[in-house]
Amino acid sequence: MIVYRIAHQKYARDLTGTGAKLAGGRWNSPGNRMLYTAGSISLAILEVAVHLSLEKVPKGFKIIVLEIPDEYAHKSIDRRKLPINWSLSIHAPFTQNIGDVFLEKNEFLTLQVPSAIVPEEYNYLINPLHPAFSLVKILDIRDMNFDSRLFKA
């Protein structure tokens, strides 16, 4: 499976999940490592753009293309089983608990979750502490040039 991540160039090769560990996120509490990726480049762009200022076009970002071995099945979260307001808060205890349990059990390499921006599309959360994590490969790292029409600049 191919997934995509957009990160600032200084973190492009960092697959440790340290950023998520320090800040927490929608699907993990602070203190838990998790690597957030998307099922498409366009979704990865949206997932990053919602956290950026719209005042100027961001510079210095990279697209990281990752390959996850197909033989490692992922766990999936059915969005129909999530509370109606699951996507309103980035640090909702309900979704963080789902991710934290996924990490704690360490049964699966990835967790497929609906995007809060486009619920019909999926993000893939990777557990960097899973025994098969070393098989996740960086296939490509290239410049991410955001379209200026997304920003006020």
N, C-alpha and C. Protein backbone atom coordinates (compact mmCIF):
# COMPACT_ATOMS: atom_id res chain seq x y z
N MET A 1 0.85 -1.16 0.00
CA MET A 1 0.00 0.00 0.00
C MET A 1 0.90 1.23 0.00
N ILE A 2 0.53 2.22 -0.79
CA ILE A 2 1.26 3.47 -0.86
C ILE A 2 0.46 4.53 -0.10
N VAL A 3 1.15 5.27 0.77
CA VAL A 3 0.54 6.36 1.52
C VAL A 3 1.42 7.59 1.41
N TYR A 4 0.87 8.74 1.80
CA TYR A 4 1.55 10.01 1.60
C TYR A 4 1.55 10.83 2.88
N ARG A 5 2.64 11.55 3.03
CA ARG A 5 2.81 12.40 4.20
C ARG A 5 3.41 13.71 3.71
N ILE A 6 2.98 14.80 4.27
CA ILE A 6 3.58 16.09 3.96
C ILE A 6 4.16 16.63 5.26
N ALA A 7 5.42 17.01 5.20
CA ALA A 7 6.10 17.49 6.40
C ALA A 7 7.08 18.59 6.00
N HIS A 8 7.43 19.40 6.96
CA HIS A 8 8.47 20.39 6.72
C HIS A 8 9.75 19.64 6.37
N GLN A 9 10.57 20.23 5.51
CA GLN A 9 11.76 19.54 5.00
C GLN A 9 12.67 19.02 6.10
N LYS A 10 12.76 19.72 7.24
CA LYS A 10 13.67 19.23 8.29
C LYS A 10 13.15 17.96 8.96
N TYR A 11 11.87 17.62 8.75
CA TYR A 11 11.30 16.40 9.33
C TYR A 11 10.94 15.35 8.27
N ALA A 12 11.33 15.58 7.04
CA ALA A 12 10.91 14.71 5.93
C ALA A 12 11.32 13.25 6.13
N ARG A 13 12.47 13.01 6.71
CA ARG A 13 12.95 11.63 6.91
C ARG A 13 12.63 11.09 8.30
N ASP A 14 12.00 11.90 9.11
CA ASP A 14 11.67 11.49 10.48
C ASP A 14 10.35 10.72 10.48
N LEU A 15 10.46 9.43 10.66
CA LEU A 15 9.27 8.57 10.71
C LEU A 15 9.04 8.03 12.12
N THR A 16 9.58 8.70 13.11
CA THR A 16 9.51 8.19 14.47
C THR A 16 8.19 8.49 15.18
N GLY A 17 7.40 9.41 14.65
CA GLY A 17 6.15 9.78 15.32
C GLY A 17 6.38 10.71 16.49
N THR A 18 7.53 11.36 16.53
CA THR A 18 7.87 12.24 17.65
C THR A 18 6.95 13.45 17.73
N GLY A 19 6.60 14.04 16.59
CA GLY A 19 5.70 15.20 16.60
C GLY A 19 4.37 14.87 17.25
N ALA A 20 3.81 13.74 16.88
CA ALA A 20 2.53 13.31 17.47
C ALA A 20 2.72 12.98 18.95
N LYS A 21 3.87 12.44 19.30
CA LYS A 21 4.14 12.12 20.71
C LYS A 21 4.18 13.39 21.55
N LEU A 22 4.79 14.43 21.03
CA LEU A 22 4.93 15.67 21.78
C LEU A 22 3.62 16.44 21.89
N ALA A 23 2.89 16.52 20.78
CA ALA A 23 1.70 17.37 20.75
C ALA A 23 0.39 16.61 20.90
N GLY A 24 0.40 15.32 20.63
CA GLY A 24 -0.86 14.60 20.55
C GLY A 24 -1.56 14.97 19.25
N GLY A 25 -2.66 14.35 18.98
CA GLY A 25 -3.39 14.62 17.75
C GLY A 25 -4.79 14.07 17.86
N ARG A 26 -5.49 14.07 16.77
CA ARG A 26 -6.86 13.57 16.77
C ARG A 26 -6.93 12.11 17.23
N TRP A 27 -5.92 11.31 16.86
CA TRP A 27 -5.98 9.87 17.11
C TRP A 27 -4.93 9.38 18.10
N ASN A 28 -4.26 10.28 18.81
CA ASN A 28 -3.32 9.84 19.86
C ASN A 28 -3.16 10.91 20.91
N SER A 29 -2.96 10.47 22.13
CA SER A 29 -2.70 11.38 23.25
C SER A 29 -1.22 11.74 23.27
N PRO A 30 -0.87 12.89 23.83
CA PRO A 30 0.55 13.21 23.99
C PRO A 30 1.25 12.08 24.75
N GLY A 31 2.46 11.79 24.34
CA GLY A 31 3.22 10.71 24.96
C GLY A 31 3.21 9.43 24.13
N ASN A 32 2.33 9.36 23.12
CA ASN A 32 2.24 8.17 22.25
C ASN A 32 2.69 8.52 20.84
N ARG A 33 3.66 7.76 20.37
CA ARG A 33 4.19 7.96 19.01
C ARG A 33 3.20 7.44 17.98
N MET A 34 2.98 8.24 16.93
CA MET A 34 2.14 7.80 15.82
C MET A 34 2.54 8.59 14.59
N LEU A 35 2.55 7.93 13.44
CA LEU A 35 2.89 8.59 12.19
C LEU A 35 1.62 8.73 11.37
N TYR A 36 1.23 9.96 11.10
CA TYR A 36 0.01 10.25 10.35
C TYR A 36 0.32 10.30 8.85
N THR A 37 -0.43 9.53 8.06
CA THR A 37 -0.29 9.56 6.61
C THR A 37 -1.69 9.57 5.99
N ALA A 38 -1.75 9.82 4.69
CA ALA A 38 -3.02 9.88 3.98
C ALA A 38 -3.01 8.92 2.80
N GLY A 39 -4.20 8.54 2.36
CA GLY A 39 -4.34 7.61 1.25
C GLY A 39 -4.14 8.24 -0.12
N SER A 40 -4.05 9.57 -0.19
CA SER A 40 -3.80 10.25 -1.46
C SER A 40 -3.01 11.53 -1.20
N ILE A 41 -2.36 12.03 -2.22
CA ILE A 41 -1.61 13.27 -2.08
C ILE A 41 -2.55 14.42 -1.78
N SER A 42 -3.69 14.48 -2.48
CA SER A 42 -4.61 15.59 -2.26
C SER A 42 -5.14 15.60 -0.82
N LEU A 43 -5.42 14.44 -0.26
CA LEU A 43 -5.87 14.41 1.13
C LEU A 43 -4.74 14.83 2.07
N ALA A 44 -3.53 14.40 1.78
CA ALA A 44 -2.38 14.81 2.61
C ALA A 44 -2.24 16.34 2.58
N ILE A 45 -2.43 16.96 1.43
CA ILE A 45 -2.37 18.42 1.32
C ILE A 45 -3.44 19.06 2.20
N LEU A 46 -4.66 18.57 2.10
CA LEU A 46 -5.74 19.12 2.92
C LEU A 46 -5.46 18.96 4.41
N GLU A 47 -4.96 17.79 4.79
CA GLU A 47 -4.71 17.52 6.21
C GLU A 47 -3.65 18.46 6.78
N VAL A 48 -2.71 18.90 5.96
CA VAL A 48 -1.69 19.84 6.41
C VAL A 48 -2.22 21.27 6.31
N ALA A 49 -2.90 21.59 5.21
CA ALA A 49 -3.35 22.97 4.96
C ALA A 49 -4.29 23.47 6.06
N VAL A 50 -5.10 22.61 6.64
CA VAL A 50 -6.03 23.07 7.68
C VAL A 50 -5.31 23.54 8.94
N HIS A 51 -4.04 23.20 9.07
CA HIS A 51 -3.27 23.60 10.24
C HIS A 51 -2.34 24.78 9.96
N LEU A 52 -2.35 25.29 8.74
CA LEU A 52 -1.45 26.37 8.36
C LEU A 52 -2.20 27.69 8.29
N SER A 53 -1.46 28.77 8.44
CA SER A 53 -2.03 30.10 8.27
C SER A 53 -2.38 30.30 6.80
N LEU A 54 -3.49 30.95 6.55
CA LEU A 54 -3.88 31.22 5.17
C LEU A 54 -3.29 32.54 4.67
N GLU A 55 -2.46 33.17 5.47
CA GLU A 55 -1.91 34.48 5.12
C GLU A 55 -0.84 34.42 4.04
N LYS A 56 -0.11 33.30 3.96
CA LYS A 56 0.95 33.22 2.95
C LYS A 56 1.15 31.76 2.54
N VAL A 57 1.69 31.59 1.36
CA VAL A 57 1.95 30.26 0.84
C VAL A 57 3.09 29.63 1.63
N PRO A 58 2.88 28.44 2.21
CA PRO A 58 3.94 27.79 2.99
C PRO A 58 5.12 27.37 2.10
N LYS A 59 6.29 27.48 2.65
CA LYS A 59 7.51 27.09 1.93
C LYS A 59 8.23 26.01 2.73
N GLY A 60 9.06 25.25 2.05
CA GLY A 60 9.93 24.29 2.72
C GLY A 60 9.28 22.97 3.10
N PHE A 61 8.18 22.63 2.44
CA PHE A 61 7.53 21.36 2.73
C PHE A 61 7.89 20.32 1.68
N LYS A 62 7.81 19.07 2.08
CA LYS A 62 8.11 17.93 1.20
C LYS A 62 6.93 16.96 1.21
N ILE A 63 6.77 16.26 0.11
CA ILE A 63 5.84 15.12 0.03
C ILE A 63 6.69 13.88 0.23
N ILE A 64 6.29 13.05 1.17
CA ILE A 64 6.99 11.80 1.42
C ILE A 64 6.06 10.67 0.98
N VAL A 65 6.55 9.84 0.09
CA VAL A 65 5.78 8.70 -0.41
C VAL A 65 6.30 7.46 0.31
N LEU A 66 5.40 6.78 1.01
CA LEU A 66 5.77 5.60 1.80
C LEU A 66 5.09 4.36 1.27
N GLU A 67 5.80 3.25 1.38
CA GLU A 67 5.22 1.95 1.02
C GLU A 67 5.10 1.12 2.30
N ILE A 68 3.87 0.65 2.53
CA ILE A 68 3.60 -0.24 3.66
C ILE A 68 3.38 -1.62 3.08
N PRO A 69 4.09 -2.64 3.56
CA PRO A 69 3.94 -3.98 3.00
C PRO A 69 2.47 -4.45 3.05
N ASP A 70 1.99 -4.95 1.93
CA ASP A 70 0.59 -5.40 1.83
C ASP A 70 0.28 -6.57 2.75
N GLU A 71 1.28 -7.36 3.08
CA GLU A 71 1.01 -8.55 3.90
C GLU A 71 0.66 -8.21 5.35
N TYR A 72 0.83 -6.94 5.73
CA TYR A 72 0.48 -6.54 7.09
C TYR A 72 -0.88 -5.86 7.07
N ALA A 73 -1.90 -6.62 7.43
CA ALA A 73 -3.26 -6.11 7.42
C ALA A 73 -3.38 -4.94 8.38
N HIS A 74 -4.25 -4.03 8.03
CA HIS A 74 -4.46 -2.91 8.94
C HIS A 74 -5.82 -3.04 9.62
N LYS A 75 -5.92 -2.39 10.74
CA LYS A 75 -7.19 -2.32 11.45
C LYS A 75 -7.94 -1.12 10.87
N SER A 76 -9.25 -1.23 10.73
CA SER A 76 -10.06 -0.15 10.18
C SER A 76 -11.08 0.34 11.19
N ILE A 77 -11.30 1.63 11.19
CA ILE A 77 -12.35 2.24 12.01
C ILE A 77 -13.50 2.61 11.08
N ASP A 78 -14.68 2.11 11.39
CA ASP A 78 -15.88 2.41 10.61
C ASP A 78 -16.44 3.74 11.08
N ARG A 79 -16.45 4.75 10.20
CA ARG A 79 -16.91 6.08 10.62
C ARG A 79 -18.35 6.08 11.08
N ARG A 80 -19.15 5.11 10.62
CA ARG A 80 -20.55 5.04 11.05
C ARG A 80 -20.67 4.67 12.52
N LYS A 81 -19.60 4.13 13.09
CA LYS A 81 -19.62 3.76 14.51
C LYS A 81 -19.02 4.83 15.41
N LEU A 82 -18.59 5.93 14.80
CA LEU A 82 -18.06 7.05 15.57
C LEU A 82 -19.20 7.98 15.97
N PRO A 83 -19.05 8.70 17.08
CA PRO A 83 -20.09 9.66 17.46
C PRO A 83 -20.26 10.73 16.37
N ILE A 84 -21.41 11.31 16.28
CA ILE A 84 -21.71 12.30 15.24
C ILE A 84 -20.69 13.44 15.23
N ASN A 85 -20.25 13.89 16.37
CA ASN A 85 -19.35 15.04 16.45
C ASN A 85 -17.87 14.66 16.58
N TRP A 86 -17.50 13.46 16.16
CA TRP A 86 -16.14 12.97 16.35
C TRP A 86 -15.09 13.88 15.70
N SER A 87 -15.45 14.57 14.64
CA SER A 87 -14.46 15.33 13.88
C SER A 87 -14.35 16.79 14.31
N LEU A 88 -15.13 17.22 15.29
CA LEU A 88 -15.13 18.63 15.66
C LEU A 88 -13.89 19.06 16.44
N SER A 89 -13.38 18.21 17.26
CA SER A 89 -12.21 18.56 18.08
C SER A 89 -11.01 17.71 17.68
N ILE A 90 -9.89 18.38 17.48
CA ILE A 90 -8.68 17.65 17.08
C ILE A 90 -8.13 16.80 18.23
N HIS A 91 -8.46 17.16 19.46
CA HIS A 91 -7.96 16.41 20.60
C HIS A 91 -9.10 15.80 21.41
N ALA A 92 -10.07 15.21 20.73
CA ALA A 92 -11.20 14.59 21.41
C ALA A 92 -10.74 13.32 22.12
N PRO A 93 -11.06 13.18 23.40
CA PRO A 93 -10.65 11.97 24.13
C PRO A 93 -11.15 10.68 23.48
N PHE A 94 -12.32 10.71 22.86
CA PHE A 94 -12.88 9.50 22.25
C PHE A 94 -11.97 8.97 21.14
N THR A 95 -11.58 9.84 20.21
CA THR A 95 -10.73 9.38 19.10
C THR A 95 -9.31 9.12 19.57
N GLN A 96 -8.82 9.93 20.50
CA GLN A 96 -7.48 9.68 21.03
C GLN A 96 -7.42 8.30 21.70
N ASN A 97 -8.47 7.94 22.40
CA ASN A 97 -8.50 6.64 23.06
C ASN A 97 -8.45 5.51 22.03
N ILE A 98 -9.14 5.66 20.91
CA ILE A 98 -9.10 4.63 19.85
C ILE A 98 -7.66 4.42 19.39
N GLY A 99 -6.97 5.53 19.11
CA GLY A 99 -5.58 5.43 18.66
C GLY A 99 -4.65 4.91 19.74
N ASP A 100 -4.86 5.34 20.96
CA ASP A 100 -4.00 4.88 22.05
C ASP A 100 -4.14 3.38 22.29
N VAL A 101 -5.37 2.87 22.20
CA VAL A 101 -5.60 1.43 22.36
C VAL A 101 -4.95 0.67 21.20
N PHE A 102 -5.07 1.21 19.98
CA PHE A 102 -4.42 0.61 18.81
C PHE A 102 -2.91 0.50 19.06
N LEU A 103 -2.30 1.56 19.56
CA LEU A 103 -0.86 1.54 19.82
C LEU A 103 -0.51 0.57 20.94
N GLU A 104 -1.30 0.60 21.99
CA GLU A 104 -1.03 -0.25 23.15
C GLU A 104 -1.11 -1.73 22.81
N LYS A 105 -2.12 -2.12 22.05
CA LYS A 105 -2.26 -3.53 21.67
C LYS A 105 -1.15 -3.98 20.74
N ASN A 106 -0.69 -3.07 19.87
CA ASN A 106 0.44 -3.34 18.97
C ASN A 106 0.21 -4.57 18.09
N GLU A 107 -1.04 -4.81 17.71
CA GLU A 107 -1.37 -5.96 16.85
C GLU A 107 -1.23 -5.64 15.37
N PHE A 108 -1.46 -4.39 15.00
CA PHE A 108 -1.47 -3.99 13.60
C PHE A 108 -0.44 -2.90 13.36
N LEU A 109 0.10 -2.89 12.17
CA LEU A 109 1.06 -1.86 11.78
C LEU A 109 0.35 -0.54 11.51
N THR A 110 -0.84 -0.60 10.91
CA THR A 110 -1.56 0.62 10.55
C THR A 110 -3.01 0.58 11.03
N LEU A 111 -3.53 1.78 11.22
CA LEU A 111 -4.93 1.96 11.57
C LEU A 111 -5.54 2.87 10.51
N GLN A 112 -6.53 2.34 9.79
CA GLN A 112 -7.23 3.12 8.77
C GLN A 112 -8.37 3.88 9.45
N VAL A 113 -8.34 5.21 9.31
CA VAL A 113 -9.35 6.05 9.94
C VAL A 113 -9.93 7.02 8.91
N PRO A 114 -11.19 7.42 9.09
CA PRO A 114 -11.75 8.41 8.16
C PRO A 114 -11.10 9.77 8.38
N SER A 115 -11.00 10.52 7.32
CA SER A 115 -10.50 11.89 7.42
C SER A 115 -11.60 12.77 8.02
N ALA A 116 -11.22 13.67 8.91
CA ALA A 116 -12.19 14.62 9.46
C ALA A 116 -12.57 15.67 8.41
N ILE A 117 -11.74 15.84 7.40
CA ILE A 117 -12.01 16.84 6.36
C ILE A 117 -12.87 16.25 5.26
N VAL A 118 -12.53 15.04 4.83
CA VAL A 118 -13.28 14.32 3.79
C VAL A 118 -13.57 12.93 4.35
N PRO A 119 -14.66 12.76 5.09
CA PRO A 119 -14.91 11.49 5.80
C PRO A 119 -15.00 10.25 4.91
N GLU A 120 -15.21 10.45 3.61
CA GLU A 120 -15.26 9.31 2.70
C GLU A 120 -13.88 8.84 2.29
N GLU A 121 -12.84 9.58 2.66
CA GLU A 121 -11.46 9.20 2.36
C GLU A 121 -10.76 8.83 3.66
N TYR A 122 -9.59 8.20 3.52
CA TYR A 122 -8.95 7.61 4.69
C TYR A 122 -7.52 8.11 4.91
N ASN A 123 -7.22 8.24 6.18
CA ASN A 123 -5.85 8.42 6.64
C ASN A 123 -5.38 7.09 7.20
N TYR A 124 -4.08 6.89 7.16
CA TYR A 124 -3.47 5.66 7.67
C TYR A 124 -2.47 6.04 8.73
N LEU A 125 -2.75 5.63 9.95
CA LEU A 125 -1.89 5.92 11.08
C LEU A 125 -0.96 4.74 11.26
N ILE A 126 0.31 5.03 11.32
CA ILE A 126 1.32 3.97 11.40
C ILE A 126 1.90 3.95 12.81
N ASN A 127 2.01 2.75 13.34
CA ASN A 127 2.60 2.55 14.67
C ASN A 127 4.11 2.35 14.50
N PRO A 128 4.92 3.36 14.83
CA PRO A 128 6.37 3.22 14.65
C PRO A 128 7.03 2.24 15.61
N LEU A 129 6.27 1.74 16.59
CA LEU A 129 6.82 0.76 17.54
C LEU A 129 6.39 -0.67 17.20
N HIS A 130 5.65 -0.85 16.12
CA HIS A 130 5.25 -2.20 15.70
C HIS A 130 6.47 -2.96 15.18
N PRO A 131 6.56 -4.27 15.43
CA PRO A 131 7.73 -5.04 14.97
C PRO A 131 7.99 -4.97 13.46
N ALA A 132 6.95 -4.75 12.66
CA ALA A 132 7.12 -4.70 11.20
C ALA A 132 7.42 -3.29 10.69
N PHE A 133 7.54 -2.34 11.58
CA PHE A 133 7.74 -0.95 11.14
C PHE A 133 9.00 -0.79 10.28
N SER A 134 10.00 -1.56 10.53
CA SER A 134 11.24 -1.45 9.75
C SER A 134 11.02 -1.77 8.27
N LEU A 135 9.90 -2.41 7.95
CA LEU A 135 9.58 -2.74 6.55
C LEU A 135 8.90 -1.60 5.81
N VAL A 136 8.51 -0.55 6.53
CA VAL A 136 7.94 0.64 5.88
C VAL A 136 9.07 1.36 5.18
N LYS A 137 8.89 1.62 3.89
CA LYS A 137 9.96 2.20 3.08
C LYS A 137 9.58 3.58 2.55
N ILE A 138 10.54 4.46 2.57
CA ILE A 138 10.38 5.75 1.89
C ILE A 138 10.70 5.50 0.42
N LEU A 139 9.71 5.72 -0.45
CA LEU A 139 9.92 5.55 -1.89
C LEU A 139 10.39 6.82 -2.56
N ASP A 140 9.95 7.95 -2.03
CA ASP A 140 10.28 9.22 -2.67
C ASP A 140 10.08 10.36 -1.69
N ILE A 141 10.91 11.37 -1.81
CA ILE A 141 10.73 12.63 -1.10
C ILE A 141 10.94 13.71 -2.14
N ARG A 142 9.93 14.57 -2.29
CA ARG A 142 10.05 15.64 -3.28
C ARG A 142 9.41 16.92 -2.75
N ASP A 143 9.75 18.03 -3.40
CA ASP A 143 9.22 19.32 -2.97
C ASP A 143 7.70 19.35 -3.05
N MET A 144 7.10 19.98 -2.06
CA MET A 144 5.65 20.21 -2.05
C MET A 144 5.45 21.69 -2.31
N ASN A 145 4.92 22.00 -3.47
CA ASN A 145 4.65 23.39 -3.82
C ASN A 145 3.15 23.61 -3.72
N PHE A 146 2.73 24.26 -2.65
CA PHE A 146 1.31 24.53 -2.45
C PHE A 146 0.82 25.50 -3.51
N ASP A 147 -0.35 25.26 -4.02
CA ASP A 147 -0.98 26.16 -5.00
C ASP A 147 -1.34 27.44 -4.27
N SER A 148 -0.88 28.56 -4.79
CA SER A 148 -1.11 29.86 -4.13
C SER A 148 -2.58 30.21 -4.02
N ARG A 149 -3.43 29.60 -4.83
CA ARG A 149 -4.87 29.91 -4.76
C ARG A 149 -5.50 29.42 -3.47
N LEU A 150 -4.81 28.53 -2.75
CA LEU A 150 -5.32 28.07 -1.46
C LEU A 150 -5.07 29.08 -0.35
N PHE A 151 -4.25 30.09 -0.62
CA PHE A 151 -3.83 31.03 0.40
C PHE A 151 -4.10 32.46 -0.07
N LYS A 152 -4.08 33.41 0.84
CA LYS A 152 -4.41 34.80 0.53
C LYS A 152 -3.27 35.54 -0.15
N ALA A 153 -2.10 34.98 -0.18
CA ALA A 153 -0.92 35.67 -0.69
C ALA A 153 -1.07 36.13 -2.12
